[in-house]
PDB file of N, CA and C in Angstrom:
ATOM      1  N   UNK A   1     -24.284  11.757  -0.818  1.00  0.00           N
ATOM      2  CA  UNK A   1     -23.436  12.053   0.324  1.00  0.00           C
ATOM      3  C   UNK A   1     -23.333  10.847   1.270  1.00  0.00           C
ATOM      4  N   UNK A   2     -24.432  10.101   1.392  1.00  0.00           N
ATOM      5  CA  UNK A   2     -24.415   8.915   2.253  1.00  0.00           C
ATOM      6  C   UNK A   2     -23.430   7.881   1.719  1.00  0.00           C
ATOM      7  N   UNK A   3     -23.350   7.765   0.390  1.00  0.00           N
ATOM      8  CA  UNK A   3     -22.409   6.816  -0.215  1.00  0.00           C
ATOM      9  C   UNK A   3     -20.979   7.185   0.131  1.00  0.00           C
ATOM     10  N   UNK A   4     -20.644   8.467   0.032  1.00  0.00           N
ATOM     11  CA  UNK A   4     -19.297   8.933   0.348  1.00  0.00           C
ATOM     12  C   UNK A   4     -18.973   8.664   1.820  1.00  0.00           C
ATOM     13  N   UNK A   5     -19.931   8.934   2.704  1.00  0.00           N
ATOM     14  CA  UNK A   5     -19.731   8.661   4.124  1.00  0.00           C
ATOM     15  C   UNK A   5     -19.496   7.166   4.357  1.00  0.00           C
ATOM     16  N   UNK A   6     -20.256   6.323   3.688  1.00  0.00           N
ATOM     17  CA  UNK A   6     -20.100   4.876   3.816  1.00  0.00           C
ATOM     18  C   UNK A   6     -18.705   4.443   3.380  1.00  0.00           C
ATOM     19  N   UNK A   7     -18.238   4.990   2.251  1.00  0.00           N
ATOM     20  CA  UNK A   7     -16.898   4.648   1.769  1.00  0.00           C
ATOM     21  C   UNK A   7     -15.833   5.057   2.786  1.00  0.00           C
ATOM     22  N   UNK A   8     -15.933   6.286   3.294  1.00  0.00           N
ATOM     23  CA  UNK A   8     -14.963   6.753   4.290  1.00  0.00           C
ATOM     24  C   UNK A   8     -15.006   5.898   5.544  1.00  0.00           C
ATOM     25  N   UNK A   9     -16.202   5.606   6.024  1.00  0.00           N
ATOM     26  CA  UNK A   9     -16.348   4.839   7.254  1.00  0.00           C
ATOM     27  C   UNK A   9     -15.751   3.437   7.114  1.00  0.00           C
ATOM     28  N   UNK A  10     -16.109   2.728   6.054  1.00  0.00           N
ATOM     29  CA  UNK A  10     -15.613   1.357   5.874  1.00  0.00           C
ATOM     30  C   UNK A  10     -14.099   1.333   5.657  1.00  0.00           C
ATOM     31  N   UNK A  11     -13.597   2.270   4.890  1.00  0.00           N
ATOM     32  CA  UNK A  11     -12.154   2.311   4.630  1.00  0.00           C
ATOM     33  C   UNK A  11     -11.397   2.643   5.912  1.00  0.00           C
ATOM     34  N   UNK A  12     -11.883   3.608   6.670  1.00  0.00           N
ATOM     35  CA  UNK A  12     -11.245   3.955   7.946  1.00  0.00           C
ATOM     36  C   UNK A  12     -11.340   2.794   8.931  1.00  0.00           C
ATOM     37  N   UNK A  13     -12.446   2.091   8.917  1.00  0.00           N
ATOM     38  CA  UNK A  13     -12.622   0.958   9.824  1.00  0.00           C
ATOM     39  C   UNK A  13     -11.563  -0.110   9.580  1.00  0.00           C
ATOM     40  N   UNK A  14     -11.184  -0.309   8.332  1.00  0.00           N
ATOM     41  CA  UNK A  14     -10.136  -1.286   8.020  1.00  0.00           C
ATOM     42  C   UNK A  14      -8.820  -0.871   8.662  1.00  0.00           C
ATOM     43  N   UNK A  15      -8.463   0.397   8.557  1.00  0.00           N
ATOM     44  CA  UNK A  15      -7.207   0.886   9.136  1.00  0.00           C
ATOM     45  C   UNK A  15      -7.240   0.751  10.663  1.00  0.00           C
ATOM     46  N   UNK A  16      -8.349   1.116  11.275  1.00  0.00           N
ATOM     47  CA  UNK A  16      -8.484   1.003  12.727  1.00  0.00           C
ATOM     48  C   UNK A  16      -8.407  -0.462  13.152  1.00  0.00           C
ATOM     49  N   UNK A  17      -9.075  -1.342  12.418  1.00  0.00           N
ATOM     50  CA  UNK A  17      -9.041  -2.768  12.725  1.00  0.00           C
ATOM     51  C   UNK A  17      -7.611  -3.298  12.703  1.00  0.00           C
ATOM     52  N   UNK A  18      -6.857  -2.949  11.673  1.00  0.00           N
ATOM     53  CA  UNK A  18      -5.472  -3.427  11.569  1.00  0.00           C
ATOM     54  C   UNK A  18      -4.645  -2.902  12.736  1.00  0.00           C
ATOM     55  N   UNK A  19      -4.774  -1.617  13.064  1.00  0.00           N
ATOM     56  CA  UNK A  19      -3.962  -1.072  14.161  1.00  0.00           C
ATOM     57  C   UNK A  19      -4.344  -1.695  15.503  1.00  0.00           C
ATOM     58  N   UNK A  20      -5.622  -1.965  15.711  1.00  0.00           N
ATOM     59  CA  UNK A  20      -6.052  -2.607  16.965  1.00  0.00           C
ATOM     60  C   UNK A  20      -5.565  -4.054  17.033  1.00  0.00           C
ATOM     61  N   UNK A  21      -5.640  -4.770  15.928  1.00  0.00           N
ATOM     62  CA  UNK A  21      -5.135  -6.149  15.913  1.00  0.00           C
ATOM     63  C   UNK A  21      -3.629  -6.181  16.130  1.00  0.00           C
ATOM     64  N   UNK A  22      -2.922  -5.224  15.550  1.00  0.00           N
ATOM     65  CA  UNK A  22      -1.462  -5.179  15.700  1.00  0.00           C
ATOM     66  C   UNK A  22      -1.062  -4.945  17.153  1.00  0.00           C
ATOM     67  N   UNK A  23      -1.878  -4.233  17.925  1.00  0.00           N
ATOM     68  CA  UNK A  23      -1.586  -4.028  19.350  1.00  0.00           C
ATOM     69  C   UNK A  23      -1.635  -5.346  20.109  1.00  0.00           C
ATOM     70  N   UNK A  24      -2.520  -6.239  19.674  1.00  0.00           N
ATOM     71  CA  UNK A  24      -2.721  -7.493  20.381  1.00  0.00           C
ATOM     72  C   UNK A  24      -1.822  -8.617  19.889  1.00  0.00           C
ATOM     73  N   UNK A  25      -1.517  -8.605  18.601  1.00  0.00           N
ATOM     74  CA  UNK A  25      -0.701  -9.672  18.026  1.00  0.00           C
ATOM     75  C   UNK A  25       0.111  -9.126  16.857  1.00  0.00           C
ATOM     76  N   UNK A  26       1.428  -9.159  16.995  1.00  0.00           N
ATOM     77  CA  UNK A  26       2.301  -8.697  15.908  1.00  0.00           C
ATOM     78  C   UNK A  26       2.046  -9.485  14.632  1.00  0.00           C
ATOM     79  N   UNK A  27       1.950 -10.798  14.783  1.00  0.00           N
ATOM     80  CA  UNK A  27       1.772 -11.657  13.604  1.00  0.00           C
ATOM     81  C   UNK A  27       0.431 -11.445  12.927  1.00  0.00           C
ATOM     82  N   UNK A  28      -0.631 -11.427  13.720  1.00  0.00           N
ATOM     83  CA  UNK A  28      -1.962 -11.243  13.140  1.00  0.00           C
ATOM     84  C   UNK A  28      -2.097  -9.849  12.526  1.00  0.00           C
ATOM     85  N   UNK A  29      -1.585  -8.842  13.223  1.00  0.00           N
ATOM     86  CA  UNK A  29      -1.618  -7.486  12.685  1.00  0.00           C
ATOM     87  C   UNK A  29      -0.856  -7.387  11.382  1.00  0.00           C
ATOM     88  N   UNK A  30       0.323  -8.023  11.324  1.00  0.00           N
ATOM     89  CA  UNK A  30       1.112  -8.027  10.100  1.00  0.00           C
ATOM     90  C   UNK A  30       0.419  -8.764   8.966  1.00  0.00           C
ATOM     91  N   UNK A  31      -0.193  -9.888   9.302  1.00  0.00           N
ATOM     92  CA  UNK A  31      -0.906 -10.662   8.283  1.00  0.00           C
ATOM     93  C   UNK A  31      -2.060  -9.854   7.688  1.00  0.00           C
ATOM     94  N   UNK A  32      -2.861  -9.268   8.560  1.00  0.00           N
ATOM     95  CA  UNK A  32      -4.007  -8.494   8.083  1.00  0.00           C
ATOM     96  C   UNK A  32      -3.532  -7.267   7.297  1.00  0.00           C
ATOM     97  N   UNK A  33      -2.472  -6.616   7.773  1.00  0.00           N
ATOM     98  CA  UNK A  33      -1.944  -5.441   7.069  1.00  0.00           C
ATOM     99  C   UNK A  33      -1.395  -5.823   5.695  1.00  0.00           C
ATOM    100  N   UNK A  34      -0.864  -7.037   5.575  1.00  0.00           N
ATOM    101  CA  UNK A  34      -0.286  -7.469   4.304  1.00  0.00           C
ATOM    102  C   UNK A  34      -1.352  -7.812   3.264  1.00  0.00           C
ATOM    103  N   UNK A  35      -2.545  -8.083   3.715  1.00  0.00           N
ATOM    104  CA  UNK A  35      -3.621  -8.367   2.759  1.00  0.00           C
ATOM    105  C   UNK A  35      -3.933  -7.091   1.982  1.00  0.00           C
ATOM    106  N   UNK A  36      -4.238  -7.230   0.737  1.00  0.00           N
ATOM    107  CA  UNK A  36      -4.493  -6.030  -0.074  1.00  0.00           C
ATOM    108  C   UNK A  36      -5.904  -5.473   0.129  1.00  0.00           C
ATOM    109  N   UNK A  37      -6.249  -5.203   1.401  1.00  0.00           N
ATOM    110  CA  UNK A  37      -7.612  -4.771   1.699  1.00  0.00           C
ATOM    111  C   UNK A  37      -7.949  -3.419   1.079  1.00  0.00           C
ATOM    112  N   UNK A  38      -7.007  -2.491   1.114  1.00  0.00           N
ATOM    113  CA  UNK A  38      -7.280  -1.179   0.528  1.00  0.00           C
ATOM    114  C   UNK A  38      -7.506  -1.328  -0.971  1.00  0.00           C
ATOM    115  N   UNK A  39      -6.700  -2.155  -1.614  1.00  0.00           N
ATOM    116  CA  UNK A  39      -6.885  -2.375  -3.042  1.00  0.00           C
ATOM    117  C   UNK A  39      -8.212  -3.061  -3.324  1.00  0.00           C
ATOM    118  N   UNK A  40      -8.553  -4.050  -2.539  1.00  0.00           N
ATOM    119  CA  UNK A  40      -9.828  -4.744  -2.736  1.00  0.00           C
ATOM    120  C   UNK A  40     -10.989  -3.763  -2.545  1.00  0.00           C
ATOM    121  N   UNK A  41     -10.918  -2.940  -1.496  1.00  0.00           N
ATOM    122  CA  UNK A  41     -11.970  -1.949  -1.294  1.00  0.00           C
ATOM    123  C   UNK A  41     -12.039  -0.967  -2.466  1.00  0.00           C
ATOM    124  N   UNK A  42     -10.883  -0.549  -2.953  1.00  0.00           N
ATOM    125  CA  UNK A  42     -10.858   0.374  -4.088  1.00  0.00           C
ATOM    126  C   UNK A  42     -11.485  -0.267  -5.317  1.00  0.00           C
ATOM    127  N   UNK A  43     -11.147  -1.533  -5.573  1.00  0.00           N
ATOM    128  CA  UNK A  43     -11.753  -2.230  -6.711  1.00  0.00           C
ATOM    129  C   UNK A  43     -13.271  -2.317  -6.551  1.00  0.00           C
ATOM    130  N   UNK A  44     -13.717  -2.581  -5.336  1.00  0.00           N
ATOM    131  CA  UNK A  44     -15.154  -2.642  -5.076  1.00  0.00           C
ATOM    132  C   UNK A  44     -15.792  -1.277  -5.312  1.00  0.00           C
ATOM    133  N   UNK A  45     -15.172  -0.213  -4.770  1.00  0.00           N
ATOM    134  CA  UNK A  45     -15.739   1.136  -4.955  1.00  0.00           C
ATOM    135  C   UNK A  45     -15.801   1.492  -6.437  1.00  0.00           C
ATOM    136  N   UNK A  46     -14.735   1.204  -7.175  1.00  0.00           N
ATOM    137  CA  UNK A  46     -14.729   1.504  -8.611  1.00  0.00           C
ATOM    138  C   UNK A  46     -15.842   0.745  -9.330  1.00  0.00           C
ATOM    139  N   UNK A  47     -15.991  -0.523  -8.992  1.00  0.00           N
ATOM    140  CA  UNK A  47     -17.032  -1.344  -9.622  1.00  0.00           C
ATOM    141  C   UNK A  47     -18.433  -0.820  -9.297  1.00  0.00           C
ATOM    142  N   UNK A  48     -18.671  -0.551  -8.019  1.00  0.00           N
ATOM    143  CA  UNK A  48     -19.997  -0.080  -7.599  1.00  0.00           C
ATOM    144  C   UNK A  48     -20.320   1.304  -8.165  1.00  0.00           C
ATOM    145  N   UNK A  49     -19.273   2.059  -8.489  1.00  0.00           N
ATOM    146  CA  UNK A  49     -19.487   3.380  -9.082  1.00  0.00           C
ATOM    147  C   UNK A  49     -19.479   3.323 -10.611  1.00  0.00           C
ATOM    148  N   UNK A  50     -19.650   2.107 -11.142  1.00  0.00           N
ATOM    149  CA  UNK A  50     -19.787   1.885 -12.588  1.00  0.00           C
ATOM    150  C   UNK A  50     -18.627   2.410 -13.416  1.00  0.00           C
ATOM    151  N   UNK A  51     -17.413   2.248 -12.896  1.00  0.00           N
ATOM    152  CA  UNK A  51     -16.244   2.629 -13.670  1.00  0.00           C
ATOM    153  C   UNK A  51     -16.012   1.581 -14.760  1.00  0.00           C
ATOM    154  N   UNK A  52     -15.401   1.974 -15.859  1.00  0.00           N
ATOM    155  CA  UNK A  52     -15.146   1.006 -16.933  1.00  0.00           C
ATOM    156  C   UNK A  52     -14.243  -0.139 -16.460  1.00  0.00           C
ATOM    157  N   UNK A  53     -14.477  -1.300 -17.039  1.00  0.00           N
ATOM    158  CA  UNK A  53     -13.685  -2.488 -16.697  1.00  0.00           C
ATOM    159  C   UNK A  53     -12.195  -2.219 -16.899  1.00  0.00           C
ATOM    160  N   UNK A  54     -11.852  -1.486 -17.944  1.00  0.00           N
ATOM    161  CA  UNK A  54     -10.440  -1.179 -18.217  1.00  0.00           C
ATOM    162  C   UNK A  54      -9.818  -0.387 -17.078  1.00  0.00           C
ATOM    163  N   UNK A  55     -10.562   0.555 -16.509  1.00  0.00           N
ATOM    164  CA  UNK A  55     -10.053   1.363 -15.401  1.00  0.00           C
ATOM    165  C   UNK A  55      -9.809   0.486 -14.176  1.00  0.00           C
ATOM    166  N   UNK A  56     -10.737  -0.414 -13.890  1.00  0.00           N
ATOM    167  CA  UNK A  56     -10.598  -1.312 -12.740  1.00  0.00           C
ATOM    168  C   UNK A  56      -9.407  -2.246 -12.948  1.00  0.00           C
ATOM    169  N   UNK A  57      -9.294  -2.802 -14.136  1.00  0.00           N
ATOM    170  CA  UNK A  57      -8.171  -3.697 -14.438  1.00  0.00           C
ATOM    171  C   UNK A  57      -6.844  -2.947 -14.364  1.00  0.00           C
ATOM    172  N   UNK A  58      -6.798  -1.729 -14.896  1.00  0.00           N
ATOM    173  CA  UNK A  58      -5.570  -0.934 -14.825  1.00  0.00           C
ATOM    174  C   UNK A  58      -5.172  -0.637 -13.392  1.00  0.00           C
ATOM    175  N   UNK A  59      -6.161  -0.399 -12.537  1.00  0.00           N
ATOM    176  CA  UNK A  59      -5.839  -0.144 -11.129  1.00  0.00           C
ATOM    177  C   UNK A  59      -5.126  -1.361 -10.516  1.00  0.00           C
ATOM    178  N   UNK A  60      -5.651  -2.536 -10.752  1.00  0.00           N
ATOM    179  CA  UNK A  60      -5.022  -3.754 -10.221  1.00  0.00           C
ATOM    180  C   UNK A  60      -3.633  -3.949 -10.821  1.00  0.00           C
ATOM    181  N   UNK A  61      -3.506  -3.717 -12.132  1.00  0.00           N
ATOM    182  CA  UNK A  61      -2.223  -3.877 -12.826  1.00  0.00           C
ATOM    183  C   UNK A  61      -1.158  -2.954 -12.235  1.00  0.00           C
ATOM    184  N   UNK A  62      -1.468  -1.667 -12.099  1.00  0.00           N
ATOM    185  CA  UNK A  62      -0.486  -0.715 -11.580  1.00  0.00           C
ATOM    186  C   UNK A  62      -0.214  -0.931 -10.100  1.00  0.00           C
ATOM    187  N   UNK A  63      -1.215  -1.361  -9.356  1.00  0.00           N
ATOM    188  CA  UNK A  63      -0.986  -1.649  -7.939  1.00  0.00           C
ATOM    189  C   UNK A  63       0.078  -2.731  -7.787  1.00  0.00           C
ATOM    190  N   UNK A  64      -0.004  -3.763  -8.605  1.00  0.00           N
ATOM    191  CA  UNK A  64       1.012  -4.818  -8.558  1.00  0.00           C
ATOM    192  C   UNK A  64       2.406  -4.230  -8.741  1.00  0.00           C
ATOM    193  N   UNK A  65       2.592  -3.433  -9.773  1.00  0.00           N
ATOM    194  CA  UNK A  65       3.919  -2.883 -10.068  1.00  0.00           C
ATOM    195  C   UNK A  65       4.370  -1.877  -9.025  1.00  0.00           C
ATOM    196  N   UNK A  66       3.450  -1.155  -8.399  1.00  0.00           N
ATOM    197  CA  UNK A  66       3.834  -0.172  -7.383  1.00  0.00           C
ATOM    198  C   UNK A  66       4.157  -0.816  -6.037  1.00  0.00           C
ATOM    199  N   UNK A  67       3.646  -2.012  -5.793  1.00  0.00           N
ATOM    200  CA  UNK A  67       3.932  -2.693  -4.523  1.00  0.00           C
ATOM    201  C   UNK A  67       5.381  -3.175  -4.471  1.00  0.00           C
ATOM    202  N   UNK A  68       5.890  -3.689  -5.555  1.00  0.00           N
ATOM    203  CA  UNK A  68       7.225  -4.308  -5.570  1.00  0.00           C
ATOM    204  C   UNK A  68       8.318  -3.393  -4.997  1.00  0.00           C
ATOM    205  N   UNK A  69       8.427  -2.137  -5.449  1.00  0.00           N
ATOM    206  CA  UNK A  69       9.513  -1.311  -4.896  1.00  0.00           C
ATOM    207  C   UNK A  69       9.292  -0.841  -3.460  1.00  0.00           C
ATOM    208  N   UNK A  70       8.116  -1.112  -2.885  1.00  0.00           N
ATOM    209  CA  UNK A  70       7.908  -0.742  -1.479  1.00  0.00           C
ATOM    210  C   UNK A  70       8.390  -1.831  -0.524  1.00  0.00           C
ATOM    211  N   UNK A  71       8.617  -3.027  -1.025  1.00  0.00           N
ATOM    212  CA  UNK A  71       8.951  -4.155  -0.148  1.00  0.00           C
ATOM    213  C   UNK A  71      10.245  -3.981   0.644  1.00  0.00           C
ATOM    214  N   UNK A  72      11.315  -3.392   0.078  1.00  0.00           N
ATOM    215  CA  UNK A  72      12.532  -3.215   0.902  1.00  0.00           C
ATOM    216  C   UNK A  72      12.295  -2.428   2.191  1.00  0.00           C
ATOM    217  N   UNK A  73      11.346  -1.514   2.180  1.00  0.00           N
ATOM    218  CA  UNK A  73      11.059  -0.735   3.380  1.00  0.00           C
ATOM    219  C   UNK A  73      10.721  -1.631   4.569  1.00  0.00           C
ATOM    220  N   UNK A  74       9.997  -2.719   4.304  1.00  0.00           N
ATOM    221  CA  UNK A  74       9.572  -3.589   5.392  1.00  0.00           C
ATOM    222  C   UNK A  74      10.724  -4.421   5.960  1.00  0.00           C
ATOM    223  N   UNK A  75      11.825  -4.492   5.239  1.00  0.00           N
ATOM    224  CA  UNK A  75      13.025  -5.149   5.770  1.00  0.00           C
ATOM    225  C   UNK A  75      13.934  -4.155   6.483  1.00  0.00           C
ATOM    226  N   UNK A  76      14.011  -2.932   5.968  1.00  0.00           N
ATOM    227  CA  UNK A  76      14.910  -1.927   6.524  1.00  0.00           C
ATOM    228  C   UNK A  76      14.347  -1.318   7.807  1.00  0.00           C
ATOM    229  N   UNK A  77      13.056  -1.055   7.855  1.00  0.00           N
ATOM    230  CA  UNK A  77      12.456  -0.382   9.003  1.00  0.00           C
ATOM    231  C   UNK A  77      12.719  -1.095  10.331  1.00  0.00           C
ATOM    232  N   UNK A  78      12.493  -2.411  10.426  1.00  0.00           N
ATOM    233  CA  UNK A  78      12.748  -3.063  11.722  1.00  0.00           C
ATOM    234  C   UNK A  78      14.218  -3.028  12.139  1.00  0.00           C
ATOM    235  N   UNK A  79      15.118  -2.938  11.166  1.00  0.00           N
ATOM    236  CA  UNK A  79      16.550  -2.854  11.494  1.00  0.00           C
ATOM    237  C   UNK A  79      16.888  -1.457  12.007  1.00  0.00           C
ATOM    238  N   UNK A  80      16.345  -0.429  11.363  1.00  0.00           N
ATOM    239  CA  UNK A  80      16.658   0.948  11.743  1.00  0.00           C
ATOM    240  C   UNK A  80      15.943   1.412  13.006  1.00  0.00           C
ATOM    241  N   UNK A  81      14.746   0.927  13.245  1.00  0.00           N
ATOM    242  CA  UNK A  81      13.921   1.407  14.355  1.00  0.00           C
ATOM    243  C   UNK A  81      14.643   1.416  15.701  1.00  0.00           C
ATOM    244  N   UNK A  82      15.240   0.310  16.148  1.00  0.00           N
ATOM    245  CA  UNK A  82      15.902   0.356  17.460  1.00  0.00           C
ATOM    246  C   UNK A  82      17.199   1.181  17.454  1.00  0.00           C
ATOM    247  N   UNK A  83      17.774   1.379  16.284  1.00  0.00           N
ATOM    248  CA  UNK A  83      19.048   2.104  16.192  1.00  0.00           C
ATOM    249  C   UNK A  83      18.881   3.619  16.161  1.00  0.00           C
ATOM    250  N   UNK A  84      17.872   4.102  15.395  1.00  0.00           N
ATOM    251  CA  UNK A  84      17.761   5.553  15.210  1.00  0.00           C
ATOM    252  C   UNK A  84      16.410   6.125  15.625  1.00  0.00           C
ATOM    253  N   UNK A  85      15.478   5.293  16.075  1.00  0.00           N
ATOM    254  CA  UNK A  85      14.176   5.779  16.524  1.00  0.00           C
ATOM    255  C   UNK A  85      13.138   5.762  15.414  1.00  0.00           C
ATOM    256  N   UNK A  86      11.894   5.986  15.830  1.00  0.00           N
ATOM    257  CA  UNK A  86      10.764   5.834  14.917  1.00  0.00           C
ATOM    258  C   UNK A  86      10.778   6.828  13.762  1.00  0.00           C
ATOM    259  N   UNK A  87      10.767   8.128  14.065  1.00  0.00           N
ATOM    260  CA  UNK A  87      10.636   9.129  12.999  1.00  0.00           C
ATOM    261  C   UNK A  87      11.815   9.121  12.034  1.00  0.00           C
ATOM    262  N   UNK A  88      13.062   9.069  12.532  1.00  0.00           N
ATOM    263  CA  UNK A  88      14.165   8.988  11.569  1.00  0.00           C
ATOM    264  C   UNK A  88      14.123   7.711  10.727  1.00  0.00           C
ATOM    265  N   UNK A  89      13.775   6.578  11.350  1.00  0.00           N
ATOM    266  CA  UNK A  89      13.687   5.319  10.595  1.00  0.00           C
ATOM    267  C   UNK A  89      12.601   5.421   9.533  1.00  0.00           C
ATOM    268  N   UNK A  90      11.472   6.013   9.885  1.00  0.00           N
ATOM    269  CA  UNK A  90      10.397   6.176   8.921  1.00  0.00           C
ATOM    270  C   UNK A  90      10.821   7.093   7.771  1.00  0.00           C
ATOM    271  N   UNK A  91      11.505   8.180   8.108  1.00  0.00           N
ATOM    272  CA  UNK A  91      11.972   9.107   7.073  1.00  0.00           C
ATOM    273  C   UNK A  91      12.966   8.433   6.124  1.00  0.00           C
ATOM    274  N   UNK A  92      13.910   7.675   6.683  1.00  0.00           N
ATOM    275  CA  UNK A  92      14.886   6.963   5.852  1.00  0.00           C
ATOM    276  C   UNK A  92      14.164   5.957   4.956  1.00  0.00           C
ATOM    277  N   UNK A  93      13.191   5.267   5.507  1.00  0.00           N
ATOM    278  CA  UNK A  93      12.448   4.270   4.720  1.00  0.00           C
ATOM    279  C   UNK A  93      11.644   4.927   3.599  1.00  0.00           C
ATOM    280  N   UNK A  94      11.106   6.099   3.846  1.00  0.00           N
ATOM    281  CA  UNK A  94      10.391   6.816   2.783  1.00  0.00           C
ATOM    282  C   UNK A  94      11.364   7.154   1.661  1.00  0.00           C
ATOM    283  N   UNK A  95      12.549   7.644   2.029  1.00  0.00           N
ATOM    284  CA  UNK A  95      13.562   7.970   1.014  1.00  0.00           C
ATOM    285  C   UNK A  95      14.002   6.721   0.248  1.00  0.00           C
ATOM    286  N   UNK A  96      14.202   5.633   0.967  1.00  0.00           N
ATOM    287  CA  UNK A  96      14.583   4.372   0.317  1.00  0.00           C
ATOM    288  C   UNK A  96      13.481   3.924  -0.645  1.00  0.00           C
ATOM    289  N   UNK A  97      12.236   4.041  -0.221  1.00  0.00           N
ATOM    290  CA  UNK A  97      11.120   3.633  -1.072  1.00  0.00           C
ATOM    291  C   UNK A  97      11.051   4.487  -2.329  1.00  0.00           C
ATOM    292  N   UNK A  98      11.239   5.793  -2.187  1.00  0.00           N
ATOM    293  CA  UNK A  98      11.225   6.679  -3.355  1.00  0.00           C
ATOM    294  C   UNK A  98      12.349   6.295  -4.312  1.00  0.00           C
ATOM    295  N   UNK A  99      13.549   6.060  -3.769  1.00  0.00           N
ATOM    296  CA  UNK A  99      14.688   5.670  -4.610  1.00  0.00           C
ATOM    297  C   UNK A  99      14.428   4.320  -5.288  1.00  0.00           C
ATOM    298  N   UNK A 100      13.908   3.352  -4.527  1.00  0.00           N
ATOM    299  CA  UNK A 100      13.609   2.036  -5.111  1.00  0.00           C
ATOM    300  C   UNK A 100      12.549   2.158  -6.193  1.00  0.00           C
ATOM    301  N   UNK A 101      11.541   2.979  -5.943  1.00  0.00           N
ATOM    302  CA  UNK A 101      10.498   3.148  -6.940  1.00  0.00           C
ATOM    303  C   UNK A 101      11.064   3.743  -8.222  1.00  0.00           C
ATOM    304  N   UNK A 102      11.880   4.779  -8.090  1.00  0.00           N
ATOM    305  CA  UNK A 102      12.457   5.433  -9.262  1.00  0.00           C
ATOM    306  C   UNK A 102      13.332   4.456 -10.055  1.00  0.00           C
ATOM    307  N   UNK A 103      14.194   3.709  -9.353  1.00  0.00           N
ATOM    308  CA  UNK A 103      15.057   2.727 -10.022  1.00  0.00           C
ATOM    309  C   UNK A 103      14.233   1.611 -10.662  1.00  0.00           C
ATOM    310  N   UNK A 104      13.214   1.168  -9.967  1.00  0.00           N
ATOM    311  CA  UNK A 104      12.354   0.110 -10.493  1.00  0.00           C
ATOM    312  C   UNK A 104      11.621   0.580 -11.739  1.00  0.00           C
ATOM    313  N   UNK A 105      11.113   1.817 -11.694  1.00  0.00           N
ATOM    314  CA  UNK A 105      10.412   2.375 -12.855  1.00  0.00           C
ATOM    315  C   UNK A 105      11.342   2.449 -14.063  1.00  0.00           C
ATOM    316  N   UNK A 106      12.597   2.820 -13.822  1.00  0.00           N
ATOM    317  CA  UNK A 106      13.568   2.849 -14.924  1.00  0.00           C
ATOM    318  C   UNK A 106      13.822   1.444 -15.471  1.00  0.00           C
ATOM    319  N   UNK A 107      13.921   0.471 -14.574  1.00  0.00           N
ATOM    320  CA  UNK A 107      14.217  -0.905 -14.990  1.00  0.00           C
ATOM    321  C   UNK A 107      13.068  -1.510 -15.804  1.00  0.00           C
ATOM    322  N   UNK A 108      11.825  -1.320 -15.373  1.00  0.00           N
ATOM    323  CA  UNK A 108      10.714  -1.951 -16.079  1.00  0.00           C
ATOM    324  C   UNK A 108      10.324  -1.197 -17.345  1.00  0.00           C
ATOM    325  N   UNK A 109      10.793   0.027 -17.470  1.00  0.00           N
ATOM    326  CA  UNK A 109      10.510   0.789 -18.696  1.00  0.00           C
ATOM    327  C   UNK A 109      11.070   0.057 -19.908  1.00  0.00           C
ATOM    328  N   UNK A 110      12.176  -0.642 -19.715  1.00  0.00           N
ATOM    329  CA  UNK A 110      12.782  -1.407 -20.836  1.00  0.00           C
ATOM    330  C   UNK A 110      11.861  -2.513 -21.342  1.00  0.00           C
ATOM    331  N   UNK A 111      10.900  -2.907 -20.513  1.00  0.00           N
ATOM    332  CA  UNK A 111       9.959  -3.958 -20.888  1.00  0.00           C
ATOM    333  C   UNK A 111       8.610  -3.387 -21.317  1.00  0.00           C
ATOM    334  N   UNK A 112       8.568  -2.082 -21.498  1.00  0.00           N
ATOM    335  CA  UNK A 112       7.350  -1.434 -21.960  1.00  0.00           C
ATOM    336  C   UNK A 112       6.345  -1.090 -20.865  1.00  0.00           C
ATOM    337  N   UNK A 113       6.775  -1.132 -19.621  1.00  0.00           N
ATOM    338  CA  UNK A 113       5.889  -0.809 -18.500  1.00  0.00           C
ATOM    339  C   UNK A 113       6.230   0.601 -18.027  1.00  0.00           C
ATOM    340  N   UNK A 114       5.305   1.520 -18.222  1.00  0.00           N
ATOM    341  CA  UNK A 114       5.513   2.923 -17.855  1.00  0.00           C
ATOM    342  C   UNK A 114       4.861   3.198 -16.508  1.00  0.00           C
ATOM    343  N   UNK A 115       5.679   3.430 -15.482  1.00  0.00           N
ATOM    344  CA  UNK A 115       5.160   3.712 -14.151  1.00  0.00           C
ATOM    345  C   UNK A 115       5.235   5.192 -13.807  1.00  0.00           C
ATOM    346  N   UNK A 116       6.102   5.911 -14.455  1.00  0.00           N
ATOM    347  CA  UNK A 116       6.229   7.358 -14.181  1.00  0.00           C
ATOM    348  C   UNK A 116       5.639   8.159 -15.303  1.00  0.00           C
TER     349      UNK A 116
END
């Protein structure tokens, strides 16, 4: 149980750190948020929990492919935010991300990469 608490605490601390840094500096907050800290922590947790090397490698592999279709959201959100407000902009970006992911999954399937 202590291990689970440690994982939750450290993972939550990363999110809190990023949000606190973002309050003080847009650039620094963005830089830290762009780092794959959640993925790195996940890889560490998987390794420390003696998961097979293949599982850890697959996690990194799929994370790469899942990140690509999320990138348009980071361009659309700042444009929509001042025009339609936070919640509607976030909702539109979620829909755009889902659509981009679906289209991307269809496109890479031709190369033998199964994301869905």
